[in-house]
Amino acid sequence: MESRRKLDRAFVAGATGLTGRYVVQHLTALGVPTVAHIRPDSSRLEHWSETFTRQGAQVSTAEWDAASMIGEMKAVQPTVVFGLLGTTKARTRGGDGDYEAVDFGLTACLIDACVPLEERPKFVYLSAVGVKPDSSSAYYKARAQAEDKLRRSDLPALVARPSFILGERDDARPGERIGAPILDGLLGGLGLLGAKRFTARYRSMTGEELAAGLAELALNGSSDDVVHVPELRAAGQRLLHRIASRDEQP
């Protein structure tokens, strides 16, 4: 298992997000060569470049256009690509790109950049629980489009559909901070009534837990899967245990 993992090489798009930063941290802790992508116009480019470099990752600031991203994929030759891109309602109002442009558009650009590679990488896409093609929500519609794009690309893929993701972010998300405890409380009540399988799928996770699950399934899981909170949580526990075991070795 260890010898196979040394052959892995990861590219993380959305590396500065709550989940992405932990994905980079977990992968580098395992010794997986990792390239962390940062938007070239990021206001915190220097901070994240120093952080990721200190962790042992390489940093990419490739532009988000077809030619640049195709060139970057050909240069990196990743075996696994993480598509962890997304925006928020507040950022869309601030002119930072809407769900169609960011959640779908940038993910589509990344998928298209992977397709020409001779050895196609496994594509790990961070979607959301409840995604349906006929959703009236712009957020869910964009993610449904991205899932469909990935499915039609024929890349080996893993689609993750978590619920609320908790943790300290660069951008505040009061809806998640307030809504997650309320939802978890309601789900706890339903669980007592026997709906444990349903409630487990919708429970919140921390960004660190989610990232651990994504990294474990990317490296050791099967392809063409759609996974939810229970699978992600179990996989994350396996990976965190393995990292802890490595740290304890003299």
Protein backbone atom coordinates (compact mmCIF):
# COMPACT_ATOMS: atom_id res chain seq x y z
CA MET A 1 0.00 0.00 0.00
CA GLU A 2 2.77 2.46 0.94
CA SER A 3 4.76 1.75 -2.23
CA ARG A 4 1.70 2.42 -4.38
CA ARG A 5 0.94 5.68 -2.61
CA LYS A 6 4.43 7.03 -3.37
CA LEU A 7 3.42 7.04 -7.03
CA ASP A 8 0.50 9.39 -6.36
CA ARG A 9 0.77 13.06 -7.22
CA ALA A 10 -2.05 15.42 -6.27
CA PHE A 11 -3.27 18.73 -7.64
CA VAL A 12 -5.61 20.63 -5.31
CA ALA A 13 -7.81 23.34 -6.85
CA GLY A 14 -9.52 25.42 -4.19
CA ALA A 15 -6.58 24.81 -1.86
CA THR A 16 -7.15 27.97 0.19
CA GLY A 17 -10.74 27.06 1.07
CA LEU A 18 -11.66 25.47 4.39
CA THR A 19 -11.62 21.93 2.99
CA GLY A 20 -8.79 22.47 0.54
CA ARG A 21 -6.27 23.69 3.08
CA TYR A 22 -6.82 20.53 5.13
CA VAL A 23 -6.59 18.32 2.05
CA VAL A 24 -3.15 19.80 1.36
CA GLN A 25 -2.17 19.33 5.00
CA HIS A 26 -3.26 15.69 5.09
CA LEU A 27 -1.65 14.78 1.78
CA THR A 28 1.70 16.33 2.64
CA ALA A 29 1.59 14.65 6.07
CA LEU A 30 1.37 11.33 4.20
CA GLY A 31 4.28 12.27 1.96
CA VAL A 32 2.15 12.58 -1.18
CA PRO A 33 3.70 15.08 -3.64
CA THR A 34 1.08 17.83 -3.74
CA VAL A 35 0.54 20.94 -5.84
CA ALA A 36 -1.71 23.53 -4.16
CA HIS A 37 -3.38 25.95 -6.55
CA ILE A 38 -3.92 29.55 -5.47
CA ARG A 39 -5.73 32.14 -7.57
CA PRO A 40 -3.06 34.50 -8.95
CA ASP A 41 -5.20 37.49 -7.92
CA SER A 42 -5.74 36.24 -4.36
CA SER A 43 -5.37 38.95 -1.73
CA ARG A 44 -3.66 36.36 0.50
CA LEU A 45 -1.34 34.89 -2.13
CA GLU A 46 1.81 35.45 -0.09
CA HIS A 47 0.30 34.00 3.09
CA TRP A 48 -0.94 30.82 1.46
CA SER A 49 2.19 30.38 -0.65
CA GLU A 50 4.31 30.46 2.51
CA THR A 51 1.90 28.17 4.37
CA PHE A 52 1.75 25.49 1.68
CA THR A 53 5.48 25.64 0.98
CA ARG A 54 6.19 25.19 4.69
CA GLN A 55 3.97 22.10 4.69
CA GLY A 56 5.96 20.63 1.81
CA ALA A 57 3.60 21.34 -1.09
CA GLN A 58 4.42 23.05 -4.36
CA VAL A 59 2.36 26.11 -5.27
CA SER A 60 0.62 26.77 -8.58
CA THR A 61 -0.75 30.16 -9.59
CA ALA A 62 -1.91 29.15 -13.05
CA GLU A 63 -4.56 31.40 -14.57
CA TRP A 64 -8.12 30.13 -14.82
CA ASP A 65 -8.27 29.82 -18.59
CA ALA A 66 -8.23 26.76 -20.80
CA ALA A 67 -4.70 27.11 -22.20
CA SER A 68 -3.09 27.87 -18.85
CA MET A 69 -4.82 25.07 -16.99
CA ILE A 70 -4.14 22.50 -19.72
CA GLY A 71 -0.48 23.52 -19.65
CA GLU A 72 -0.40 23.19 -15.87
CA MET A 73 -1.93 19.71 -15.92
CA LYS A 74 0.57 18.58 -18.53
CA ALA A 75 3.42 19.95 -16.43
CA VAL A 76 2.21 18.44 -13.13
CA GLN A 77 0.94 15.12 -14.51
CA PRO A 78 -1.26 14.49 -11.45
CA THR A 79 -2.69 11.09 -10.63
CA VAL A 80 -5.47 12.68 -8.58
CA VAL A 81 -7.10 16.10 -8.95
CA PHE A 82 -9.26 17.70 -6.28
CA GLY A 83 -11.97 20.08 -7.52
CA LEU A 84 -12.87 21.95 -4.30
CA LEU A 85 -14.10 25.16 -5.87
CA GLY A 86 -17.04 27.25 -4.82
CA THR A 87 -18.30 30.71 -4.03
CA THR A 88 -20.84 32.17 -1.61
CA LYS A 89 -23.89 34.36 -1.98
CA ALA A 90 -22.04 37.25 -0.35
CA ARG A 91 -19.11 36.94 -2.75
CA THR A 92 -21.40 36.76 -5.78
CA ARG A 93 -22.98 40.03 -4.66
CA GLY A 94 -19.49 41.49 -4.37
CA GLY A 95 -18.74 40.73 -8.01
CA ASP A 96 -16.48 37.72 -7.36
CA GLY A 97 -18.30 35.52 -9.88
CA ASP A 98 -21.62 33.74 -9.57
CA TYR A 99 -22.33 30.05 -9.01
CA GLU A 100 -22.46 29.40 -12.75
CA ALA A 101 -19.06 31.01 -13.31
CA VAL A 102 -17.25 29.61 -10.25
CA ASP A 103 -18.91 26.42 -9.00
CA PHE A 104 -19.54 25.14 -12.52
CA GLY A 105 -17.30 27.18 -14.82
CA LEU A 106 -13.98 26.74 -13.01
CA THR A 107 -14.70 23.07 -12.29
CA ALA A 108 -15.51 22.53 -15.97
CA CYS A 109 -12.23 24.21 -16.93
CA LEU A 110 -10.34 21.88 -14.60
CA ILE A 111 -12.13 18.79 -15.93
CA ASP A 112 -11.39 19.78 -19.52
CA ALA A 113 -7.71 20.26 -18.63
CA CYS A 114 -7.50 16.69 -17.30
CA VAL A 115 -9.11 14.95 -20.27
CA PRO A 116 -6.16 15.32 -22.73
CA LEU A 117 -3.65 13.75 -20.33
CA GLU A 118 -2.29 10.41 -21.50
CA GLU A 119 -2.80 8.93 -18.04
CA ARG A 120 -6.09 10.39 -16.88
CA PRO A 121 -6.16 11.36 -13.21
CA LYS A 122 -8.86 10.49 -10.72
CA PHE A 123 -11.04 13.57 -10.27
CA VAL A 124 -12.42 14.22 -6.79
CA TYR A 125 -15.32 16.66 -6.90
CA LEU A 126 -16.73 18.33 -3.80
CA SER A 127 -20.47 18.63 -4.45
CA ALA A 128 -23.25 18.88 -1.85
CA VAL A 129 -25.99 16.74 -0.36
CA GLY A 130 -29.33 17.19 -2.09
CA VAL A 131 -27.93 18.04 -5.55
CA LYS A 132 -30.51 17.37 -8.27
CA PRO A 133 -30.50 18.40 -11.95
CA ASP A 134 -33.97 19.98 -11.70
CA SER A 135 -33.21 22.13 -8.65
CA SER A 136 -34.41 25.75 -8.81
CA SER A 137 -31.46 26.85 -6.63
CA ALA A 138 -28.58 28.39 -8.59
CA TYR A 139 -26.13 26.82 -6.14
CA TYR A 140 -27.47 23.28 -6.58
CA LYS A 141 -28.00 23.71 -10.30
CA ALA A 142 -24.35 24.68 -10.82
CA ARG A 143 -23.16 21.66 -8.87
CA ALA A 144 -25.52 19.35 -10.76
CA GLN A 145 -24.04 20.70 -14.00
CA ALA A 146 -20.53 20.03 -12.71
CA GLU A 147 -21.44 16.47 -11.73
CA ASP A 148 -22.93 15.88 -15.18
CA LYS A 149 -19.85 17.37 -16.87
CA LEU A 150 -17.59 15.09 -14.84
CA ARG A 151 -19.75 12.05 -15.58
CA ARG A 152 -19.61 12.72 -19.33
CA SER A 153 -15.83 13.30 -19.28
CA ASP A 154 -15.19 9.60 -18.60
CA LEU A 155 -12.52 10.52 -16.05
CA PRO A 156 -12.29 8.14 -13.10
CA ALA A 157 -14.17 10.15 -10.50
CA LEU A 158 -15.32 10.46 -6.95
CA VAL A 159 -18.24 12.78 -6.12
CA ALA A 160 -18.61 13.77 -2.47
CA ARG A 161 -21.91 15.14 -1.18
CA PRO A 162 -21.47 16.41 2.38
CA SER A 163 -23.95 18.57 4.28
CA PHE A 164 -22.87 21.61 6.34
CA ILE A 165 -19.08 22.06 6.56
CA LEU A 166 -17.89 23.75 9.74
CA GLY A 167 -14.66 25.55 10.62
CA GLU A 168 -12.83 28.86 10.50
CA ARG A 169 -13.03 30.32 7.00
CA ASP A 170 -11.57 33.41 5.38
CA ASP A 171 -15.14 34.40 4.47
CA ALA A 172 -17.90 34.25 7.08
CA ARG A 173 -20.83 31.90 6.45
CA PRO A 174 -23.39 32.67 9.15
CA GLY A 175 -25.95 30.37 7.51
CA GLU A 176 -23.75 27.33 8.09
CA ARG A 177 -22.66 28.42 11.56
CA ILE A 178 -26.24 28.92 12.71
CA GLY A 179 -27.99 26.27 10.64
CA ALA A 180 -25.69 23.32 11.33
CA PRO A 181 -26.34 23.02 15.09
CA ILE A 182 -30.09 23.39 14.51
CA LEU A 183 -30.07 20.72 11.81
CA ASP A 184 -27.87 18.38 13.85
CA GLY A 185 -30.27 18.75 16.77
CA LEU A 186 -33.27 17.90 14.63
CA LEU A 187 -31.44 14.96 13.10
CA GLY A 188 -30.53 13.70 16.56
CA GLY A 189 -34.23 13.59 17.41
CA LEU A 190 -35.05 11.75 14.20
CA GLY A 191 -32.25 9.28 14.91
CA LEU A 192 -33.87 8.39 18.20
CA LEU A 193 -37.04 7.63 16.26
CA GLY A 194 -35.22 5.12 14.08
CA ALA A 195 -34.15 7.16 11.04
CA LYS A 196 -30.44 6.69 11.70
CA ARG A 197 -29.40 6.04 8.10
CA PHE A 198 -31.17 9.19 6.90
CA THR A 199 -29.86 11.39 9.70
CA ALA A 200 -26.25 10.21 9.28
CA ARG A 201 -26.24 11.45 5.68
CA TYR A 202 -27.23 15.01 6.61
CA ARG A 203 -25.09 15.63 9.69
CA SER A 204 -22.49 18.38 9.59
CA MET A 205 -18.74 17.76 9.37
CA THR A 206 -15.71 19.88 10.08
CA GLY A 207 -13.51 20.86 7.18
CA GLU A 208 -10.71 18.76 8.64
CA GLU A 209 -12.92 15.65 8.86
CA LEU A 210 -14.20 16.12 5.33
CA ALA A 211 -10.72 16.69 3.93
CA ALA A 212 -9.44 13.53 5.60
CA GLY A 213 -12.27 11.53 4.04
CA LEU A 214 -11.64 13.01 0.61
CA ALA A 215 -7.91 12.35 0.78
CA GLU A 216 -8.38 8.75 1.94
CA LEU A 217 -10.94 7.92 -0.74
CA ALA A 218 -8.86 9.68 -3.40
CA LEU A 219 -5.82 7.56 -2.59
CA ASN A 220 -7.41 4.27 -1.59
CA GLY A 221 -11.06 4.32 -2.61
CA SER A 222 -12.73 3.12 -5.78
CA SER A 223 -13.67 5.36 -8.69
CA ASP A 224 -17.07 6.32 -10.05
CA ASP A 225 -18.56 6.58 -6.58
CA VAL A 226 -20.94 9.09 -5.02
CA VAL A 227 -20.30 9.28 -1.28
CA HIS A 228 -22.03 11.02 1.61
CA VAL A 229 -21.22 11.86 5.22
CA PRO A 230 -21.10 8.28 6.62
CA GLU A 231 -18.59 7.08 4.01
CA LEU A 232 -16.55 10.29 4.27
CA ARG A 233 -16.45 10.13 8.06
CA ALA A 234 -15.34 6.49 8.12
CA ALA A 235 -12.66 7.08 5.51
CA GLY A 236 -11.42 10.17 7.32
CA GLN A 237 -11.00 8.24 10.54
CA ARG A 238 -8.85 5.68 8.73
CA LEU A 239 -6.60 8.36 7.27
CA LEU A 240 -6.23 10.31 10.52
CA HIS A 241 -5.34 7.08 12.32
CA ARG A 242 -2.67 6.36 9.71
CA ILE A 243 -1.20 9.86 10.04
CA ALA A 244 -1.15 9.55 13.84
CA SER A 245 0.63 6.20 13.53
CA ARG A 246 3.27 7.73 11.29
CA ASP A 247 3.81 10.58 13.75
CA GLU A 248 4.32 8.11 16.60
CA GLN A 249 7.09 6.25 14.80
CA PRO A 250 10.61 7.08 16.07
